[in-house]
Amino acid sequence: MNYESSKPLTDARFKRLVGVQLTTFEEMLAVLKTAYQRKHAKGGRTSKLSLEDLLMATLQYMREYRTYEQIAADFGIHESNLIRRSQWVEATLIQSGFTISKTHLSAEDTVIVDAT
């Protein structure tokens, strides 16, 4: 789902589909816009994917655990571009104080499989 198709959603439905409240999404977007303007102050090539859609794609990856290839196909960009830009989004949001949750295995959850 891209940003344009999420505009008519209610706040509750937006949170169910995206994983964050609409106000939180807008705060994240404001941080990304500021960082993007600093990064591209001298100019550069414009991106095929808007910041809104990039944030949506990153949140979809984190919430749904779809492959980058599937998400990139939905947004019409190459997988490597999505990976690189999603990593920038994650790093920027973490630096600004947002908690980006990724489920990590704890020592108790680690499973070793012997296939011999």
PDB file of N, CA and C in Angstrom:
ATOM      1  N   MET A   1       0.848  -1.164   0.000  1.00  0.00           N
ATOM      2  CA  MET A   1       0.000   0.000   0.000  1.00  0.00           C
ATOM      3  C   MET A   1       0.899   1.233   0.000  1.00  0.00           C
ATOM      4  N   ASN A   2       0.643   2.141  -0.903  1.00  0.00           N
ATOM      5  CA  ASN A   2       1.413   3.382  -0.925  1.00  0.00           C
ATOM      6  C   ASN A   2       0.717   4.448  -0.080  1.00  0.00           C
ATOM      7  N   TYR A   3       1.391   5.581   0.059  1.00  0.00           N
ATOM      8  CA  TYR A   3       0.895   6.630   0.949  1.00  0.00           C
ATOM      9  C   TYR A   3      -0.429   7.216   0.456  1.00  0.00           C
ATOM     10  N   GLU A   4      -0.554   7.397  -0.839  1.00  0.00           N
ATOM     11  CA  GLU A   4      -1.783   7.983  -1.399  1.00  0.00           C
ATOM     12  C   GLU A   4      -3.008   7.120  -1.089  1.00  0.00           C
ATOM     13  N   SER A   5      -2.851   5.819  -1.159  1.00  0.00           N
ATOM     14  CA  SER A   5      -4.003   4.949  -0.893  1.00  0.00           C
ATOM     15  C   SER A   5      -4.325   4.855   0.595  1.00  0.00           C
ATOM     16  N   SER A   6      -3.408   5.300   1.452  1.00  0.00           N
ATOM     17  CA  SER A   6      -3.672   5.252   2.891  1.00  0.00           C
ATOM     18  C   SER A   6      -4.299   6.537   3.418  1.00  0.00           C
ATOM     19  N   LYS A   7      -4.378   7.575   2.605  1.00  0.00           N
ATOM     20  CA  LYS A   7      -4.928   8.855   3.068  1.00  0.00           C
ATOM     21  C   LYS A   7      -6.379   8.774   3.535  1.00  0.00           C
ATOM     22  N   PRO A   8      -7.271   8.060   2.841  1.00  0.00           N
ATOM     23  CA  PRO A   8      -8.668   8.050   3.303  1.00  0.00           C
ATOM     24  C   PRO A   8      -8.927   7.147   4.511  1.00  0.00           C
ATOM     25  N   LEU A   9      -7.922   6.441   5.001  1.00  0.00           N
ATOM     26  CA  LEU A   9      -8.125   5.520   6.119  1.00  0.00           C
ATOM     27  C   LEU A   9      -8.346   6.268   7.425  1.00  0.00           C
ATOM     28  N   THR A  10      -9.130   5.676   8.297  1.00  0.00           N
ATOM     29  CA  THR A  10      -9.296   6.239   9.637  1.00  0.00           C
ATOM     30  C   THR A  10      -8.009   5.988  10.425  1.00  0.00           C
ATOM     31  N   ASP A  11      -7.869   6.678  11.550  1.00  0.00           N
ATOM     32  CA  ASP A  11      -6.668   6.518  12.366  1.00  0.00           C
ATOM     33  C   ASP A  11      -6.507   5.076  12.853  1.00  0.00           C
ATOM     34  N   ALA A  12      -7.602   4.472  13.278  1.00  0.00           N
ATOM     35  CA  ALA A  12      -7.539   3.097  13.784  1.00  0.00           C
ATOM     36  C   ALA A  12      -7.157   2.119  12.674  1.00  0.00           C
ATOM     37  N   ARG A  13      -7.748   2.290  11.515  1.00  0.00           N
ATOM     38  CA  ARG A  13      -7.441   1.396  10.384  1.00  0.00           C
ATOM     39  C   ARG A  13      -6.009   1.600   9.908  1.00  0.00           C
ATOM     40  N   PHE A  14      -5.536   2.854   9.901  1.00  0.00           N
ATOM     41  CA  PHE A  14      -4.162   3.160   9.511  1.00  0.00           C
ATOM     42  C   PHE A  14      -3.191   2.434  10.444  1.00  0.00           C
ATOM     43  N   LYS A  15      -3.454   2.497  11.733  1.00  0.00           N
ATOM     44  CA  LYS A  15      -2.573   1.838  12.707  1.00  0.00           C
ATOM     45  C   LYS A  15      -2.580   0.327  12.522  1.00  0.00           C
ATOM     46  N   ARG A  16      -3.728  -0.242  12.233  1.00  0.00           N
ATOM     47  CA  ARG A  16      -3.805  -1.693  12.020  1.00  0.00           C
ATOM     48  C   ARG A  16      -3.031  -2.124  10.786  1.00  0.00           C
ATOM     49  N   LEU A  17      -3.060  -1.316   9.741  1.00  0.00           N
ATOM     50  CA  LEU A  17      -2.400  -1.701   8.494  1.00  0.00           C
ATOM     51  C   LEU A  17      -0.916  -1.355   8.466  1.00  0.00           C
ATOM     52  N   VAL A  18      -0.548  -0.223   9.055  1.00  0.00           N
ATOM     53  CA  VAL A  18       0.830   0.257   8.951  1.00  0.00           C
ATOM     54  C   VAL A  18       1.650  -0.104  10.188  1.00  0.00           C
ATOM     55  N   GLY A  19       1.013  -0.124  11.342  1.00  0.00           N
ATOM     56  CA  GLY A  19       1.719  -0.491  12.557  1.00  0.00           C
ATOM     57  C   GLY A  19       2.029   0.671  13.473  1.00  0.00           C
ATOM     58  N   VAL A  20       1.830   1.889  13.005  1.00  0.00           N
ATOM     59  CA  VAL A  20       2.022   3.076  13.840  1.00  0.00           C
ATOM     60  C   VAL A  20       0.815   3.984  13.658  1.00  0.00           C
ATOM     61  N   GLN A  21       0.583   4.844  14.644  1.00  0.00           N
ATOM     62  CA  GLN A  21      -0.514   5.794  14.524  1.00  0.00           C
ATOM     63  C   GLN A  21      -0.173   6.836  13.464  1.00  0.00           C
ATOM     64  N   LEU A  22      -1.195   7.462  12.933  1.00  0.00           N
ATOM     65  CA  LEU A  22      -1.002   8.459  11.886  1.00  0.00           C
ATOM     66  C   LEU A  22      -0.154   9.624  12.382  1.00  0.00           C
ATOM     67  N   THR A  23      -0.362  10.051  13.620  1.00  0.00           N
ATOM     68  CA  THR A  23       0.439  11.160  14.159  1.00  0.00           C
ATOM     69  C   THR A  23       1.905  10.758  14.280  1.00  0.00           C
ATOM     70  N   THR A  24       2.171   9.525  14.681  1.00  0.00           N
ATOM     71  CA  THR A  24       3.549   9.032  14.763  1.00  0.00           C
ATOM     72  C   THR A  24       4.168   8.963  13.377  1.00  0.00           C
ATOM     73  N   PHE A  25       3.393   8.518  12.403  1.00  0.00           N
ATOM     74  CA  PHE A  25       3.869   8.461  11.018  1.00  0.00           C
ATOM     75  C   PHE A  25       4.260   9.859  10.545  1.00  0.00           C
ATOM     76  N   GLU A  26       3.431  10.850  10.846  1.00  0.00           N
ATOM     77  CA  GLU A  26       3.725  12.223  10.426  1.00  0.00           C
ATOM     78  C   GLU A  26       4.963  12.768  11.131  1.00  0.00           C
ATOM     79  N   GLU A  27       5.166  12.405  12.409  1.00  0.00           N
ATOM     80  CA  GLU A  27       6.379  12.820  13.119  1.00  0.00           C
ATOM     81  C   GLU A  27       7.615  12.182  12.490  1.00  0.00           C
ATOM     82  N   MET A  28       7.512  10.902  12.156  1.00  0.00           N
ATOM     83  CA  MET A  28       8.622  10.212  11.493  1.00  0.00           C
ATOM     84  C   MET A  28       8.925  10.865  10.153  1.00  0.00           C
ATOM     85  N   LEU A  29       7.883  11.200   9.435  1.00  0.00           N
ATOM     86  CA  LEU A  29       8.039  11.821   8.127  1.00  0.00           C
ATOM     87  C   LEU A  29       8.714  13.179   8.237  1.00  0.00           C
ATOM     88  N   ALA A  30       8.365  13.959   9.255  1.00  0.00           N
ATOM     89  CA  ALA A  30       8.994  15.266   9.458  1.00  0.00           C
ATOM     90  C   ALA A  30      10.488  15.113   9.728  1.00  0.00           C
ATOM     91  N   VAL A  31      10.862  14.123  10.518  1.00  0.00           N
ATOM     92  CA  VAL A  31      12.281  13.861  10.798  1.00  0.00           C
ATOM     93  C   VAL A  31      13.005  13.474   9.515  1.00  0.00           C
ATOM     94  N   LEU A  32      12.381  12.606   8.720  1.00  0.00           N
ATOM     95  CA  LEU A  32      13.003  12.169   7.473  1.00  0.00           C
ATOM     96  C   LEU A  32      13.149  13.312   6.478  1.00  0.00           C
ATOM     97  N   LYS A  33      12.147  14.187   6.404  1.00  0.00           N
ATOM     98  CA  LYS A  33      12.232  15.320   5.477  1.00  0.00           C
ATOM     99  C   LYS A  33      13.372  16.252   5.855  1.00  0.00           C
ATOM    100  N   THR A  34      13.535  16.505   7.152  1.00  0.00           N
ATOM    101  CA  THR A  34      14.629  17.356   7.614  1.00  0.00           C
ATOM    102  C   THR A  34      15.975  16.724   7.279  1.00  0.00           C
ATOM    103  N   ALA A  35      16.117  15.438   7.554  1.00  0.00           N
ATOM    104  CA  ALA A  35      17.373  14.737   7.270  1.00  0.00           C
ATOM    105  C   ALA A  35      17.643  14.685   5.770  1.00  0.00           C
ATOM    106  N   TYR A  36      16.600  14.492   4.979  1.00  0.00           N
ATOM    107  CA  TYR A  36      16.757  14.432   3.524  1.00  0.00           C
ATOM    108  C   TYR A  36      17.209  15.782   2.973  1.00  0.00           C
ATOM    109  N   GLN A  37      16.631  16.865   3.493  1.00  0.00           N
ATOM    110  CA  GLN A  37      17.028  18.200   3.034  1.00  0.00           C
ATOM    111  C   GLN A  37      18.476  18.493   3.386  1.00  0.00           C
ATOM    112  N   ARG A  38      18.924  18.053   4.572  1.00  0.00           N
ATOM    113  CA  ARG A  38      20.327  18.230   4.951  1.00  0.00           C
ATOM    114  C   ARG A  38      21.238  17.412   4.049  1.00  0.00           C
ATOM    115  N   LYS A  39      20.828  16.187   3.764  1.00  0.00           N
ATOM    116  CA  LYS A  39      21.647  15.286   2.954  1.00  0.00           C
ATOM    117  C   LYS A  39      21.756  15.772   1.511  1.00  0.00           C
ATOM    118  N   HIS A  40      20.674  16.338   0.983  1.00  0.00           N
ATOM    119  CA  HIS A  40      20.648  16.757  -0.418  1.00  0.00           C
ATOM    120  C   HIS A  40      20.638  18.273  -0.561  1.00  0.00           C
ATOM    121  N   ALA A  41      21.299  18.963   0.339  1.00  0.00           N
ATOM    122  CA  ALA A  41      21.308  20.429   0.297  1.00  0.00           C
ATOM    123  C   ALA A  41      21.990  20.950  -0.962  1.00  0.00           C
ATOM    124  N   LYS A  42      22.959  20.219  -1.461  1.00  0.00           N
ATOM    125  CA  LYS A  42      23.686  20.662  -2.649  1.00  0.00           C
ATOM    126  C   LYS A  42      23.034  20.179  -3.935  1.00  0.00           C
ATOM    127  N   GLY A  43      21.931  19.514  -3.821  1.00  0.00           N
ATOM    128  CA  GLY A  43      21.243  19.028  -5.007  1.00  0.00           C
ATOM    129  C   GLY A  43      21.457  17.542  -5.183  1.00  0.00           C
ATOM    130  N   GLY A  44      21.113  17.060  -6.334  1.00  0.00           N
ATOM    131  CA  GLY A  44      21.259  15.641  -6.622  1.00  0.00           C
ATOM    132  C   GLY A  44      20.040  15.131  -7.364  1.00  0.00           C
ATOM    133  N   ARG A  45      20.128  13.898  -7.718  1.00  0.00           N
ATOM    134  CA  ARG A  45      19.055  13.278  -8.472  1.00  0.00           C
ATOM    135  C   ARG A  45      17.831  13.077  -7.575  1.00  0.00           C
ATOM    136  N   THR A  46      16.664  13.363  -8.117  1.00  0.00           N
ATOM    137  CA  THR A  46      15.440  13.141  -7.348  1.00  0.00           C
ATOM    138  C   THR A  46      15.106  11.654  -7.354  1.00  0.00           C
ATOM    139  N   SER A  47      14.544  11.210  -6.273  1.00  0.00           N
ATOM    140  CA  SER A  47      14.240   9.797  -6.114  1.00  0.00           C
ATOM    141  C   SER A  47      12.933   9.443  -6.810  1.00  0.00           C
ATOM    142  N   LYS A  48      12.865   8.220  -7.274  1.00  0.00           N
ATOM    143  CA  LYS A  48      11.635   7.738  -7.892  1.00  0.00           C
ATOM    144  C   LYS A  48      10.557   7.486  -6.835  1.00  0.00           C
ATOM    145  N   LEU A  49      11.004   7.229  -5.605  1.00  0.00           N
ATOM    146  CA  LEU A  49      10.101   6.919  -4.506  1.00  0.00           C
ATOM    147  C   LEU A  49      10.061   8.098  -3.544  1.00  0.00           C
ATOM    148  N   SER A  50       8.873   8.605  -3.256  1.00  0.00           N
ATOM    149  CA  SER A  50       8.743   9.732  -2.327  1.00  0.00           C
ATOM    150  C   SER A  50       9.109   9.282  -0.912  1.00  0.00           C
ATOM    151  N   LEU A  51       9.400  10.249  -0.048  1.00  0.00           N
ATOM    152  CA  LEU A  51       9.722   9.915   1.342  1.00  0.00           C
ATOM    153  C   LEU A  51       8.546   9.234   2.034  1.00  0.00           C
ATOM    154  N   GLU A  52       7.339   9.662   1.700  1.00  0.00           N
ATOM    155  CA  GLU A  52       6.150   9.047   2.285  1.00  0.00           C
ATOM    156  C   GLU A  52       6.077   7.563   1.931  1.00  0.00           C
ATOM    157  N   ASP A  53       6.277   7.268   0.638  1.00  0.00           N
ATOM    158  CA  ASP A  53       6.228   5.877   0.197  1.00  0.00           C
ATOM    159  C   ASP A  53       7.413   5.078   0.730  1.00  0.00           C
ATOM    160  N   LEU A  54       8.568   5.719   0.845  1.00  0.00           N
ATOM    161  CA  LEU A  54       9.734   5.038   1.402  1.00  0.00           C
ATOM    162  C   LEU A  54       9.488   4.643   2.856  1.00  0.00           C
ATOM    163  N   LEU A  55       8.898   5.537   3.620  1.00  0.00           N
ATOM    164  CA  LEU A  55       8.569   5.218   5.009  1.00  0.00           C
ATOM    165  C   LEU A  55       7.519   4.111   5.070  1.00  0.00           C
ATOM    166  N   MET A  56       6.524   4.167   4.201  1.00  0.00           N
ATOM    167  CA  MET A  56       5.507   3.109   4.155  1.00  0.00           C
ATOM    168  C   MET A  56       6.150   1.762   3.823  1.00  0.00           C
ATOM    169  N   ALA A  57       7.058   1.747   2.852  1.00  0.00           N
ATOM    170  CA  ALA A  57       7.723   0.502   2.461  1.00  0.00           C
ATOM    171  C   ALA A  57       8.562  -0.051   3.608  1.00  0.00           C
ATOM    172  N   THR A  58       9.265   0.821   4.309  1.00  0.00           N
ATOM    173  CA  THR A  58      10.090   0.391   5.436  1.00  0.00           C
ATOM    174  C   THR A  58       9.222  -0.179   6.551  1.00  0.00           C
ATOM    175  N   LEU A  59       8.126   0.492   6.848  1.00  0.00           N
ATOM    176  CA  LEU A  59       7.226  -0.001   7.896  1.00  0.00           C
ATOM    177  C   LEU A  59       6.547  -1.309   7.484  1.00  0.00           C
ATOM    178  N   GLN A  60       6.255  -1.454   6.194  1.00  0.00           N
ATOM    179  CA  GLN A  60       5.682  -2.712   5.716  1.00  0.00           C
ATOM    180  C   GLN A  60       6.673  -3.852   5.912  1.00  0.00           C
ATOM    181  N   TYR A  61       7.939  -3.586   5.606  1.00  0.00           N
ATOM    182  CA  TYR A  61       8.957  -4.618   5.781  1.00  0.00           C
ATOM    183  C   TYR A  61       9.048  -5.034   7.247  1.00  0.00           C
ATOM    184  N   MET A  62       9.026  -4.065   8.130  1.00  0.00           N
ATOM    185  CA  MET A  62       9.166  -4.373   9.552  1.00  0.00           C
ATOM    186  C   MET A  62       7.926  -5.048  10.125  1.00  0.00           C
ATOM    187  N   ARG A  63       6.777  -4.690   9.624  1.00  0.00           N
ATOM    188  CA  ARG A  63       5.537  -5.225  10.196  1.00  0.00           C
ATOM    189  C   ARG A  63       5.165  -6.574   9.593  1.00  0.00           C
ATOM    190  N   GLU A  64       5.310  -6.701   8.293  1.00  0.00           N
ATOM    191  CA  GLU A  64       4.810  -7.886   7.601  1.00  0.00           C
ATOM    192  C   GLU A  64       5.886  -8.927   7.318  1.00  0.00           C
ATOM    193  N   TYR A  65       7.150  -8.550   7.426  1.00  0.00           N
ATOM    194  CA  TYR A  65       8.276  -9.434   7.121  1.00  0.00           C
ATOM    195  C   TYR A  65       8.196  -9.996   5.706  1.00  0.00           C
ATOM    196  N   ARG A  66       7.692  -9.177   4.786  1.00  0.00           N
ATOM    197  CA  ARG A  66       7.736  -9.549   3.378  1.00  0.00           C
ATOM    198  C   ARG A  66       9.159  -9.336   2.888  1.00  0.00           C
ATOM    199  N   THR A  67       9.502  -9.949   1.789  1.00  0.00           N
ATOM    200  CA  THR A  67      10.851  -9.756   1.272  1.00  0.00           C
ATOM    201  C   THR A  67      10.954  -8.381   0.631  1.00  0.00           C
ATOM    202  N   TYR A  68      12.185  -7.866   0.596  1.00  0.00           N
ATOM    203  CA  TYR A  68      12.409  -6.587  -0.061  1.00  0.00           C
ATOM    204  C   TYR A  68      12.026  -6.677  -1.536  1.00  0.00           C
ATOM    205  N   GLU A  69      12.227  -7.834  -2.132  1.00  0.00           N
ATOM    206  CA  GLU A  69      11.893  -8.005  -3.540  1.00  0.00           C
ATOM    207  C   GLU A  69      10.397  -7.798  -3.787  1.00  0.00           C
ATOM    208  N   GLN A  70       9.562  -8.335  -2.905  1.00  0.00           N
ATOM    209  CA  GLN A  70       8.113  -8.175  -3.053  1.00  0.00           C
ATOM    210  C   GLN A  70       7.699  -6.719  -2.876  1.00  0.00           C
ATOM    211  N   ILE A  71       8.240  -6.076  -1.855  1.00  0.00           N
ATOM    212  CA  ILE A  71       7.875  -4.688  -1.586  1.00  0.00           C
ATOM    213  C   ILE A  71       8.378  -3.782  -2.703  1.00  0.00           C
ATOM    214  N   ALA A  72       9.601  -4.032  -3.173  1.00  0.00           N
ATOM    215  CA  ALA A  72      10.158  -3.229  -4.263  1.00  0.00           C
ATOM    216  C   ALA A  72       9.309  -3.366  -5.524  1.00  0.00           C
ATOM    217  N   ALA A  73       8.822  -4.558  -5.792  1.00  0.00           N
ATOM    218  CA  ALA A  73       7.959  -4.763  -6.959  1.00  0.00           C
ATOM    219  C   ALA A  73       6.658  -3.982  -6.812  1.00  0.00           C
ATOM    220  N   ASP A  74       6.110  -3.926  -5.605  1.00  0.00           N
ATOM    221  CA  ASP A  74       4.880  -3.162  -5.367  1.00  0.00           C
ATOM    222  C   ASP A  74       5.080  -1.675  -5.632  1.00  0.00           C
ATOM    223  N   PHE A  75       6.259  -1.161  -5.290  1.00  0.00           N
ATOM    224  CA  PHE A  75       6.515   0.269  -5.437  1.00  0.00           C
ATOM    225  C   PHE A  75       7.223   0.618  -6.749  1.00  0.00           C
ATOM    226  N   GLY A  76       7.580  -0.374  -7.539  1.00  0.00           N
ATOM    227  CA  GLY A  76       8.160  -0.130  -8.851  1.00  0.00           C
ATOM    228  C   GLY A  76       9.604   0.342  -8.833  1.00  0.00           C
ATOM    229  N   ILE A  77      10.382  -0.123  -7.855  1.00  0.00           N
ATOM    230  CA  ILE A  77      11.801   0.224  -7.813  1.00  0.00           C
ATOM    231  C   ILE A  77      12.609  -1.062  -7.673  1.00  0.00           C
ATOM    232  N   HIS A  78      13.925  -0.947  -7.810  1.00  0.00           N
ATOM    233  CA  HIS A  78      14.788  -2.111  -7.698  1.00  0.00           C
ATOM    234  C   HIS A  78      15.009  -2.458  -6.230  1.00  0.00           C
ATOM    235  N   GLU A  79      15.165  -3.736  -5.974  1.00  0.00           N
ATOM    236  CA  GLU A  79      15.324  -4.232  -4.602  1.00  0.00           C
ATOM    237  C   GLU A  79      16.517  -3.595  -3.892  1.00  0.00           C
ATOM    238  N   SER A  80      17.642  -3.447  -4.579  1.00  0.00           N
ATOM    239  CA  SER A  80      18.834  -2.890  -3.932  1.00  0.00           C
ATOM    240  C   SER A  80      18.616  -1.438  -3.517  1.00  0.00           C
ATOM    241  N   ASN A  81      17.861  -0.687  -4.315  1.00  0.00           N
ATOM    242  CA  ASN A  81      17.546   0.694  -3.939  1.00  0.00           C
ATOM    243  C   ASN A  81      16.680   0.731  -2.684  1.00  0.00           C
ATOM    244  N   LEU A  82      15.718  -0.160  -2.610  1.00  0.00           N
ATOM    245  CA  LEU A  82      14.846  -0.198  -1.434  1.00  0.00           C
ATOM    246  C   LEU A  82      15.628  -0.592  -0.184  1.00  0.00           C
ATOM    247  N   ILE A  83      16.512  -1.558  -0.302  1.00  0.00           N
ATOM    248  CA  ILE A  83      17.314  -1.979   0.852  1.00  0.00           C
ATOM    249  C   ILE A  83      18.162  -0.821   1.352  1.00  0.00           C
ATOM    250  N   ARG A  84      18.879  -0.173   0.448  1.00  0.00           N
ATOM    251  CA  ARG A  84      19.766   0.933   0.821  1.00  0.00           C
ATOM    252  C   ARG A  84      18.984   2.082   1.452  1.00  0.00           C
ATOM    253  N   ARG A  85      17.878   2.436   0.861  1.00  0.00           N
ATOM    254  CA  ARG A  85      17.102   3.569   1.370  1.00  0.00           C
ATOM    255  C   ARG A  85      16.355   3.215   2.653  1.00  0.00           C
ATOM    256  N   SER A  86      15.915   1.975   2.801  1.00  0.00           N
ATOM    257  CA  SER A  86      15.264   1.553   4.044  1.00  0.00           C
ATOM    258  C   SER A  86      16.253   1.563   5.203  1.00  0.00           C
ATOM    259  N   GLN A  87      17.488   1.171   4.931  1.00  0.00           N
ATOM    260  CA  GLN A  87      18.514   1.221   5.973  1.00  0.00           C
ATOM    261  C   GLN A  87      18.760   2.662   6.402  1.00  0.00           C
ATOM    262  N   TRP A  88      18.734   3.592   5.459  1.00  0.00           N
ATOM    263  CA  TRP A  88      18.886   5.012   5.792  1.00  0.00           C
ATOM    264  C   TRP A  88      17.709   5.479   6.655  1.00  0.00           C
ATOM    265  N   VAL A  89      16.496   5.063   6.298  1.00  0.00           N
ATOM    266  CA  VAL A  89      15.310   5.432   7.083  1.00  0.00           C
ATOM    267  C   VAL A  89      15.441   4.906   8.506  1.00  0.00           C
ATOM    268  N   GLU A  90      15.799   3.640   8.650  1.00  0.00           N
ATOM    269  CA  GLU A  90      15.940   3.050   9.979  1.00  0.00           C
ATOM    270  C   GLU A  90      16.991   3.786  10.800  1.00  0.00           C
ATOM    271  N   ALA A  91      18.152   4.031  10.212  1.00  0.00           N
ATOM    272  CA  ALA A  91      19.236   4.706  10.933  1.00  0.00           C
ATOM    273  C   ALA A  91      18.837   6.120  11.330  1.00  0.00           C
ATOM    274  N   THR A  92      18.180   6.834  10.433  1.00  0.00           N
ATOM    275  CA  THR A  92      17.758   8.208  10.708  1.00  0.00           C
ATOM    276  C   THR A  92      16.732   8.250  11.833  1.00  0.00           C
ATOM    277  N   LEU A  93      15.770   7.356  11.797  1.00  0.00           N
ATOM    278  CA  LEU A  93      14.740   7.337  12.836  1.00  0.00           C
ATOM    279  C   LEU A  93      15.316   6.924  14.190  1.00  0.00           C
ATOM    280  N   ILE A  94      16.235   5.981  14.192  1.00  0.00           N
ATOM    281  CA  ILE A  94      16.857   5.563  15.451  1.00  0.00           C
ATOM    282  C   ILE A  94      17.678   6.701  16.038  1.00  0.00           C
ATOM    283  N   GLN A  95      18.416   7.422  15.191  1.00  0.00           N
ATOM    284  CA  GLN A  95      19.214   8.555  15.667  1.00  0.00           C
ATOM    285  C   GLN A  95      18.340   9.656  16.244  1.00  0.00           C
ATOM    286  N   SER A  96      17.130   9.794  15.732  1.00  0.00           N
ATOM    287  CA  SER A  96      16.248  10.852  16.218  1.00  0.00           C
ATOM    288  C   SER A  96      15.434  10.425  17.439  1.00  0.00           C
ATOM    289  N   GLY A  97      15.585   9.180  17.874  1.00  0.00           N
ATOM    290  CA  GLY A  97      14.935   8.755  19.107  1.00  0.00           C
ATOM    291  C   GLY A  97      13.738   7.844  18.942  1.00  0.00           C
ATOM    292  N   PHE A  98      13.366   7.516  17.728  1.00  0.00           N
ATOM    293  CA  PHE A  98      12.261   6.581  17.525  1.00  0.00           C
ATOM    294  C   PHE A  98      12.753   5.165  17.801  1.00  0.00           C
ATOM    295  N   THR A  99      11.877   4.357  18.348  1.00  0.00           N
ATOM    296  CA  THR A  99      12.215   2.963  18.604  1.00  0.00           C
ATOM    297  C   THR A  99      11.723   2.136  17.431  1.00  0.00           C
ATOM    298  N   ILE A 100      12.655   1.562  16.735  1.00  0.00           N
ATOM    299  CA  ILE A 100      12.322   0.696  15.613  1.00  0.00           C
ATOM    300  C   ILE A 100      12.463  -0.728  16.124  1.00  0.00           C
ATOM    301  N   SER A 101      11.345  -1.410  16.253  1.00  0.00           N
ATOM    302  CA  SER A 101      11.408  -2.747  16.848  1.00  0.00           C
ATOM    303  C   SER A 101      11.623  -3.793  15.770  1.00  0.00           C
ATOM    304  N   LYS A 102      12.649  -4.571  15.996  1.00  0.00           N
ATOM    305  CA  LYS A 102      12.884  -5.755  15.192  1.00  0.00           C
ATOM    306  C   LYS A 102      13.013  -6.900  16.178  1.00  0.00           C
ATOM    307  N   THR A 103      12.374  -7.982  15.914  1.00  0.00           N
ATOM    308  CA  THR A 103      12.422  -9.101  16.826  1.00  0.00           C
ATOM    309  C   THR A 103      13.751  -9.825  16.660  1.00  0.00           C
ATOM    310  N   HIS A 104      14.510  -9.878  17.731  1.00  0.00           N
ATOM    311  CA  HIS A 104      15.775 -10.597  17.729  1.00  0.00           C
ATOM    312  C   HIS A 104      15.616 -11.848  18.583  1.00  0.00           C
ATOM    313  N   LEU A 105      16.308 -12.892  18.195  1.00  0.00           N
ATOM    314  CA  LEU A 105      16.262 -14.111  18.978  1.00  0.00           C
ATOM    315  C   LEU A 105      17.099 -13.941  20.232  1.00  0.00           C
ATOM    316  N   SER A 106      16.549 -14.344  21.346  1.00  0.00           N
ATOM    317  CA  SER A 106      17.335 -14.343  22.576  1.00  0.00           C
ATOM    318  C   SER A 106      18.093 -15.664  22.657  1.00  0.00           C
ATOM    319  N   ALA A 107      18.954 -15.785  23.629  1.00  0.00           N
ATOM    320  CA  ALA A 107      19.746 -17.008  23.771  1.00  0.00           C
ATOM    321  C   ALA A 107      18.847 -18.224  23.977  1.00  0.00           C
ATOM    322  N   GLU A 108      17.722 -18.035  24.653  1.00  0.00           N
ATOM    323  CA  GLU A 108      16.813 -19.147  24.896  1.00  0.00           C
ATOM    324  C   GLU A 108      16.057 -19.556  23.640  1.00  0.00           C
ATOM    325  N   ASP A 109      15.911 -18.636  22.683  1.00  0.00           N
ATOM    326  CA  ASP A 109      15.144 -18.915  21.480  1.00  0.00           C
ATOM    327  C   ASP A 109      15.990 -19.467  20.341  1.00  0.00           C
ATOM    328  N   THR A 110      17.291 -19.437  20.471  1.00  0.00           N
ATOM    329  CA  THR A 110      18.167 -19.878  19.400  1.00  0.00           C
ATOM    330  C   THR A 110      18.060 -21.391  19.240  1.00  0.00           C
ATOM    331  N   VAL A 111      17.849 -21.807  18.011  1.00  0.00           N
ATOM    332  CA  VAL A 111      17.697 -23.224  17.715  1.00  0.00           C
ATOM    333  C   VAL A 111      18.808 -23.633  16.764  1.00  0.00           C
ATOM    334  N   ILE A 112      19.480 -24.715  17.085  1.00  0.00           N
ATOM    335  CA  ILE A 112      20.532 -25.235  16.216  1.00  0.00           C
ATOM    336  C   ILE A 112      20.023 -26.544  15.632  1.00  0.00           C
ATOM    337  N   VAL A 113      20.097 -26.649  14.308  1.00  0.00           N
ATOM    338  CA  VAL A 113      19.608 -27.835  13.625  1.00  0.00           C
ATOM    339  C   VAL A 113      20.802 -28.594  13.068  1.00  0.00           C
ATOM    340  N   ASP A 114      20.898 -29.864  13.395  1.00  0.00           N
ATOM    341  CA  ASP A 114      21.960 -30.718  12.875  1.00  0.00           C
ATOM    342  C   ASP A 114      21.351 -31.568  11.770  1.00  0.00           C
ATOM    343  N   ALA A 115      21.781 -31.339  10.549  1.00  0.00           N
ATOM    344  CA  ALA A 115      21.187 -32.025   9.405  1.00  0.00           C
ATOM    345  C   ALA A 115      22.071 -33.156   8.887  1.00  0.00           C
ATOM    346  N   THR A 116      22.881 -33.738   9.749  1.00  0.00           N
ATOM    347  CA  THR A 116      23.759 -34.820   9.285  1.00  0.00           C
ATOM    348  C   THR A 116      23.102 -36.164   9.386  1.00  0.00           C
TER     349      THR A 116
END
